C-alpha atoms as a PDB file:
ATOM      1  CA  MET A   1     -11.026 -17.560  13.303  1.00  0.00           C
ATOM      2  CA  ARG A   2      -8.247 -16.767  10.841  1.00  0.00           C
ATOM      3  CA  PHE A   3      -7.624 -13.035  10.550  1.00  0.00           C
ATOM      4  CA  VAL A   4      -5.187 -11.957   7.826  1.00  0.00           C
ATOM      5  CA  ILE A   5      -3.956  -8.418   7.299  1.00  0.00           C
ATOM      6  CA  VAL A   6      -2.773  -7.947   3.721  1.00  0.00           C
ATOM      7  CA  THR A   7      -0.376  -5.055   3.264  1.00  0.00           C
ATOM      8  CA  GLY A   8       2.703  -4.007   1.358  1.00  0.00           C
ATOM      9  CA  MET A   9       3.872  -1.867  -1.491  1.00  0.00           C
ATOM     10  CA  SER A  10       1.378  -0.253  -3.841  1.00  0.00           C
ATOM     11  CA  GLY A  11       1.426  -2.229  -7.074  1.00  0.00           C
ATOM     12  CA  ALA A  12       2.774  -5.418  -5.471  1.00  0.00           C
ATOM     13  CA  GLY A  13      -0.533  -7.323  -5.710  1.00  0.00           C
ATOM     14  CA  LYS A  14      -2.588  -6.595  -2.577  1.00  0.00           C
ATOM     15  CA  SER A  15      -5.860  -6.206  -4.475  1.00  0.00           C
ATOM     16  CA  SER A  16      -5.206  -9.441  -6.351  1.00  0.00           C
ATOM     17  CA  VAL A  17      -4.484 -11.296  -3.106  1.00  0.00           C
ATOM     18  CA  LEU A  18      -7.662  -9.962  -1.504  1.00  0.00           C
ATOM     19  CA  LYS A  19      -9.633 -11.255  -4.510  1.00  0.00           C
ATOM     20  CA  MET A  20      -7.921 -14.649  -4.183  1.00  0.00           C
ATOM     21  CA  LEU A  21      -8.755 -14.828  -0.490  1.00  0.00           C
ATOM     22  CA  GLU A  22     -12.345 -13.796  -1.180  1.00  0.00           C
ATOM     23  CA  ASP A  23     -12.599 -16.640  -3.705  1.00  0.00           C
ATOM     24  CA  ALA A  24     -11.254 -18.967  -0.982  1.00  0.00           C
ATOM     25  CA  GLY A  25     -14.108 -18.030   1.356  1.00  0.00           C
ATOM     26  CA  TYR A  26     -12.592 -15.128   3.290  1.00  0.00           C
ATOM     27  CA  PHE A  27     -14.663 -12.070   4.179  1.00  0.00           C
ATOM     28  CA  CYS A  28     -12.506  -9.260   2.737  1.00  0.00           C
ATOM     29  CA  VAL A  29     -12.385  -5.541   3.453  1.00  0.00           C
ATOM     30  CA  ASP A  30      -9.942  -3.188   1.755  1.00  0.00           C
ATOM     31  CA  ASN A  31      -8.755   0.157   3.100  1.00  0.00           C
ATOM     32  CA  LEU A  32     -10.778   0.201   6.318  1.00  0.00           C
ATOM     33  CA  PRO A  33     -10.046   3.428   8.258  1.00  0.00           C
ATOM     34  CA  ILE A  34      -7.433   2.563  10.897  1.00  0.00           C
ATOM     35  CA  PRO A  35      -9.467   3.891  13.873  1.00  0.00           C
ATOM     36  CA  LEU A  36     -12.191   1.330  13.021  1.00  0.00           C
ATOM     37  CA  LEU A  37      -9.794  -1.628  13.161  1.00  0.00           C
ATOM     38  CA  PRO A  38     -10.286  -2.548  16.869  1.00  0.00           C
ATOM     39  CA  LYS A  39     -14.095  -2.521  16.615  1.00  0.00           C
ATOM     40  CA  PHE A  40     -13.988  -4.415  13.304  1.00  0.00           C
ATOM     41  CA  SER A  41     -11.710  -7.013  14.920  1.00  0.00           C
ATOM     42  CA  GLU A  42     -14.108  -7.458  17.829  1.00  0.00           C
ATOM     43  CA  LEU A  43     -17.079  -7.848  15.494  1.00  0.00           C
ATOM     44  CA  VAL A  44     -15.531 -10.506  13.276  1.00  0.00           C
ATOM     45  CA  SER A  45     -13.841 -12.420  16.103  1.00  0.00           C
ATOM     46  CA  GLY A  46     -17.044 -13.278  17.905  1.00  0.00           C
ATOM     47  CA  LYS A  47     -16.450 -10.901  20.805  1.00  0.00           C
ATOM     48  CA  GLU A  48     -19.698  -9.333  19.626  1.00  0.00           C
ATOM     49  CA  GLU A  49     -22.744 -11.065  18.121  1.00  0.00           C
ATOM     50  CA  ALA A  50     -21.380 -12.094  14.697  1.00  0.00           C
ATOM     51  CA  THR A  51     -18.385 -14.326  14.107  1.00  0.00           C
ATOM     52  CA  MET A  52     -16.634 -15.080  10.836  1.00  0.00           C
ATOM     53  CA  PRO A  53     -14.218 -17.989  10.424  1.00  0.00           C
ATOM     54  CA  LYS A  54     -11.951 -16.348   7.800  1.00  0.00           C
ATOM     55  CA  VAL A  55     -11.335 -12.616   7.452  1.00  0.00           C
ATOM     56  CA  ALA A  56      -8.841 -10.610   5.383  1.00  0.00           C
ATOM     57  CA  LEU A  57      -8.227  -6.892   5.731  1.00  0.00           C
ATOM     58  CA  GLY A  58      -6.239  -4.697   3.342  1.00  0.00           C
ATOM     59  CA  ILE A  59      -4.126  -1.903   4.829  1.00  0.00           C
ATOM     60  CA  ASP A  60      -1.880   0.271   2.703  1.00  0.00           C
ATOM     61  CA  ILE A  61      -0.400   3.700   2.177  1.00  0.00           C
ATOM     62  CA  ARG A  62      -3.831   5.114   1.274  1.00  0.00           C
ATOM     63  CA  SER A  63      -4.576   5.099   5.009  1.00  0.00           C
ATOM     64  CA  GLY A  64      -2.711   8.417   5.092  1.00  0.00           C
ATOM     65  CA  GLU A  65      -2.235   9.874   8.557  1.00  0.00           C
ATOM     66  CA  GLY A  66      -3.904   6.815  10.103  1.00  0.00           C
ATOM     67  CA  LEU A  67      -0.891   4.735   9.067  1.00  0.00           C
ATOM     68  CA  ALA A  68       1.155   6.355  11.836  1.00  0.00           C
ATOM     69  CA  THR A  69      -1.184   4.837  14.439  1.00  0.00           C
ATOM     70  CA  VAL A  70      -1.252   1.293  13.004  1.00  0.00           C
ATOM     71  CA  ASN A  71       1.391  -0.096  15.384  1.00  0.00           C
ATOM     72  CA  LYS A  72      -0.536   1.124  18.413  1.00  0.00           C
ATOM     73  CA  VAL A  73      -3.856  -0.087  16.999  1.00  0.00           C
ATOM     74  CA  LEU A  74      -2.452  -3.534  16.174  1.00  0.00           C
ATOM     75  CA  ASP A  75      -1.079  -3.795  19.704  1.00  0.00           C
ATOM     76  CA  SER A  76      -4.516  -2.931  21.110  1.00  0.00           C
ATOM     77  CA  VAL A  77      -6.128  -5.610  18.913  1.00  0.00           C
ATOM     78  CA  ARG A  78      -3.656  -8.198  20.274  1.00  0.00           C
ATOM     79  CA  ASP A  79      -4.410  -6.954  23.816  1.00  0.00           C
ATOM     80  CA  LEU A  80      -8.063  -7.794  23.146  1.00  0.00           C
ATOM     81  CA  GLY A  81      -6.941 -11.390  22.596  1.00  0.00           C
ATOM     82  CA  ILE A  82      -7.514 -11.310  18.851  1.00  0.00           C
ATOM     83  CA  HIS A  83      -4.852 -13.161  16.850  1.00  0.00           C
ATOM     84  CA  TYR A  84      -3.979 -11.913  13.382  1.00  0.00           C
ATOM     85  CA  GLU A  85      -1.353 -12.658  10.746  1.00  0.00           C
ATOM     86  CA  ILE A  86       0.295 -10.069   8.526  1.00  0.00           C
ATOM     87  CA  LEU A  87       1.056 -10.804   4.878  1.00  0.00           C
ATOM     88  CA  TYR A  88       3.395  -8.213   3.370  1.00  0.00           C
ATOM     89  CA  LEU A  89       3.701  -8.053  -0.411  1.00  0.00           C
ATOM     90  CA  ASP A  90       6.909  -6.554  -1.705  1.00  0.00           C
ATOM     91  CA  CYS A  91       8.292  -5.942  -5.175  1.00  0.00           C
ATOM     92  CA  GLU A  92      11.451  -4.529  -6.738  1.00  0.00           C
ATOM     93  CA  ASP A  93      11.319  -0.812  -7.549  1.00  0.00           C
ATOM     94  CA  MET A  94      11.913  -1.270 -11.285  1.00  0.00           C
ATOM     95  CA  VAL A  95       9.080  -3.793 -11.523  1.00  0.00           C
ATOM     96  CA  LEU A  96       6.728  -1.454  -9.647  1.00  0.00           C
ATOM     97  CA  ILE A  97       7.653   1.417 -11.971  1.00  0.00           C
ATOM     98  CA  LYS A  98       6.983  -0.805 -14.991  1.00  0.00           C
ATOM     99  CA  ARG A  99       3.598  -1.870 -13.573  1.00  0.00           C
ATOM    100  CA  TYR A 100       2.585   1.750 -12.958  1.00  0.00           C
ATOM    101  CA  LYS A 101       3.626   2.804 -16.439  1.00  0.00           C
ATOM    102  CA  GLU A 102       1.756  -0.120 -18.028  1.00  0.00           C
ATOM    103  CA  THR A 103      -1.464   0.685 -16.188  1.00  0.00           C
ATOM    104  CA  ARG A 104      -1.025   4.468 -16.500  1.00  0.00           C
ATOM    105  CA  ARG A 105      -2.000   4.842 -12.869  1.00  0.00           C
ATOM    106  CA  HIS A 106      -0.378   7.251 -10.436  1.00  0.00           C
ATOM    107  CA  HIS A 107       1.447   6.071  -7.347  1.00  0.00           C
ATOM    108  CA  PRO A 108      -0.446   7.331  -4.254  1.00  0.00           C
ATOM    109  CA  LEU A 109       2.607   9.267  -3.005  1.00  0.00           C
ATOM    110  CA  SER A 110       3.833  10.609  -6.345  1.00  0.00           C
ATOM    111  CA  VAL A 111       0.992  12.987  -7.148  1.00  0.00           C
ATOM    112  CA  GLY A 112       2.570  15.557  -9.451  1.00  0.00           C
ATOM    113  CA  GLY A 113       5.986  13.946  -9.008  1.00  0.00           C
ATOM    114  CA  ARG A 114       8.032  10.975 -10.073  1.00  0.00           C
ATOM    115  CA  ILE A 115       6.908   7.383  -9.483  1.00  0.00           C
ATOM    116  CA  GLU A 116      10.385   6.551  -8.148  1.00  0.00           C
ATOM    117  CA  ASP A 117      10.070   9.188  -5.424  1.00  0.00           C
ATOM    118  CA  GLY A 118       6.637   7.918  -4.386  1.00  0.00           C
ATOM    119  CA  ILE A 119       7.949   4.345  -4.131  1.00  0.00           C
ATOM    120  CA  HIS A 120      10.928   5.500  -2.066  1.00  0.00           C
ATOM    121  CA  HIS A 121       8.700   7.387   0.397  1.00  0.00           C
ATOM    122  CA  GLU A 122       6.290   4.458   0.622  1.00  0.00           C
ATOM    123  CA  ARG A 123       9.117   2.023   1.483  1.00  0.00           C
ATOM    124  CA  ILE A 124      10.126   4.269   4.366  1.00  0.00           C
ATOM    125  CA  LYS A 125       6.564   4.641   5.674  1.00  0.00           C
ATOM    126  CA  MET A 126       5.713   0.930   5.334  1.00  0.00           C
ATOM    127  CA  LYS A 127       8.939  -0.502   6.806  1.00  0.00           C
ATOM    128  CA  PHE A 128       7.418  -1.012  10.269  1.00  0.00           C
ATOM    129  CA  LEU A 129       4.687  -3.247   8.784  1.00  0.00           C
ATOM    130  CA  LYS A 130       7.240  -5.276   6.848  1.00  0.00           C
ATOM    131  CA  ASP A 131       9.176  -5.734  10.091  1.00  0.00           C
ATOM    132  CA  ARG A 132       6.009  -7.003  11.820  1.00  0.00           C
ATOM    133  CA  ALA A 133       4.954  -9.305   8.986  1.00  0.00           C
ATOM    134  CA  ASP A 134       4.460 -13.032   9.504  1.00  0.00           C
ATOM    135  CA  TYR A 135       4.793 -13.680   5.769  1.00  0.00           C
ATOM    136  CA  ILE A 136       6.666 -11.685   3.119  1.00  0.00           C
ATOM    137  CA  ILE A 137       6.150 -12.481  -0.539  1.00  0.00           C
ATOM    138  CA  ASP A 138       8.215 -10.748  -3.207  1.00  0.00           C
ATOM    139  CA  THR A 139       6.041 -10.610  -6.318  1.00  0.00           C
ATOM    140  CA  SER A 140       8.734  -9.149  -8.615  1.00  0.00           C
ATOM    141  CA  GLN A 141       9.202 -12.298 -10.683  1.00  0.00           C
ATOM    142  CA  MET A 142       5.818 -13.916 -10.074  1.00  0.00           C
ATOM    143  CA  LEU A 143       2.986 -14.495 -12.450  1.00  0.00           C
ATOM    144  CA  ILE A 144      -0.475 -14.137 -10.942  1.00  0.00           C
ATOM    145  CA  ARG A 145      -0.869 -17.938 -10.889  1.00  0.00           C
ATOM    146  CA  ASP A 146       2.403 -18.245  -8.911  1.00  0.00           C
ATOM    147  CA  LEU A 147       1.144 -15.718  -6.379  1.00  0.00           C
ATOM    148  CA  LYS A 148      -2.151 -17.599  -6.122  1.00  0.00           C
ATOM    149  CA  GLY A 149      -0.212 -20.811  -5.450  1.00  0.00           C
ATOM    150  CA  GLU A 150       1.696 -19.186  -2.579  1.00  0.00           C
ATOM    151  CA  VAL A 151      -1.449 -17.631  -1.099  1.00  0.00           C
ATOM    152  CA  ASP A 152      -3.315 -20.954  -1.331  1.00  0.00           C
ATOM    153  CA  LYS A 153      -0.383 -22.769   0.266  1.00  0.00           C
ATOM    154  CA  ILE A 154      -0.364 -20.441   3.279  1.00  0.00           C
ATOM    155  CA  PHE A 155      -3.993 -19.427   3.796  1.00  0.00           C
ATOM    156  CA  VAL A 156      -6.048 -22.232   2.257  1.00  0.00           C
ATOM    157  CA  LYS A 157      -4.001 -25.419   2.656  1.00  0.00           C
ATOM    158  CA  ASN A 158      -2.305 -24.174   5.880  1.00  0.00           C
ATOM    159  CA  GLU A 159       1.084 -25.501   4.799  1.00  0.00           C
ATOM    160  CA  PRO A 160       4.222 -24.200   6.497  1.00  0.00           C
ATOM    161  CA  TYR A 161       5.802 -21.236   4.771  1.00  0.00           C
ATOM    162  CA  GLU A 162       9.208 -19.668   5.222  1.00  0.00           C
ATOM    163  CA  ASN A 163      10.179 -16.288   3.833  1.00  0.00           C
ATOM    164  CA  PHE A 164      13.184 -16.391   1.575  1.00  0.00           C
ATOM    165  CA  PHE A 165      15.025 -13.733  -0.333  1.00  0.00           C
ATOM    166  CA  LEU A 166      17.151 -13.924  -3.472  1.00  0.00           C
ATOM    167  CA  THR A 167      19.828 -11.332  -4.143  1.00  0.00           C
END
């Protein structure tokens, strides 16, 4: 079984990646409550009656208070013998701000405030997941087709992938 956890900054492309993985034959779930993660993992891994060969799960800042328990929950999933990979999608602040303004959506942590402040707080809260990530993709300068190419390379064609950063 291939179990992928898709996470990262709001506006960086998590929903798009989940759609790409679904098109590639993955069973996808977005924003599952964190306390359900161990049971979900058991169900899809074959430890219970149903097994699925390819699963993707979206976790993000919308998990609220449950986000604080993710490290512990992920450790418990590994203790169950369930292997997972974490894909973290990142993006430059200015690009995220532009994306939010273009879509006229509110950042989940900037309700009644500035988008910049919400992004800053999210970076702080999500840092531990970025540190745990197996793959980090910066979508700042990517078109959707470029992102699809990277996702296909890693999760469909199983080609080796190395994170790289440009400054």
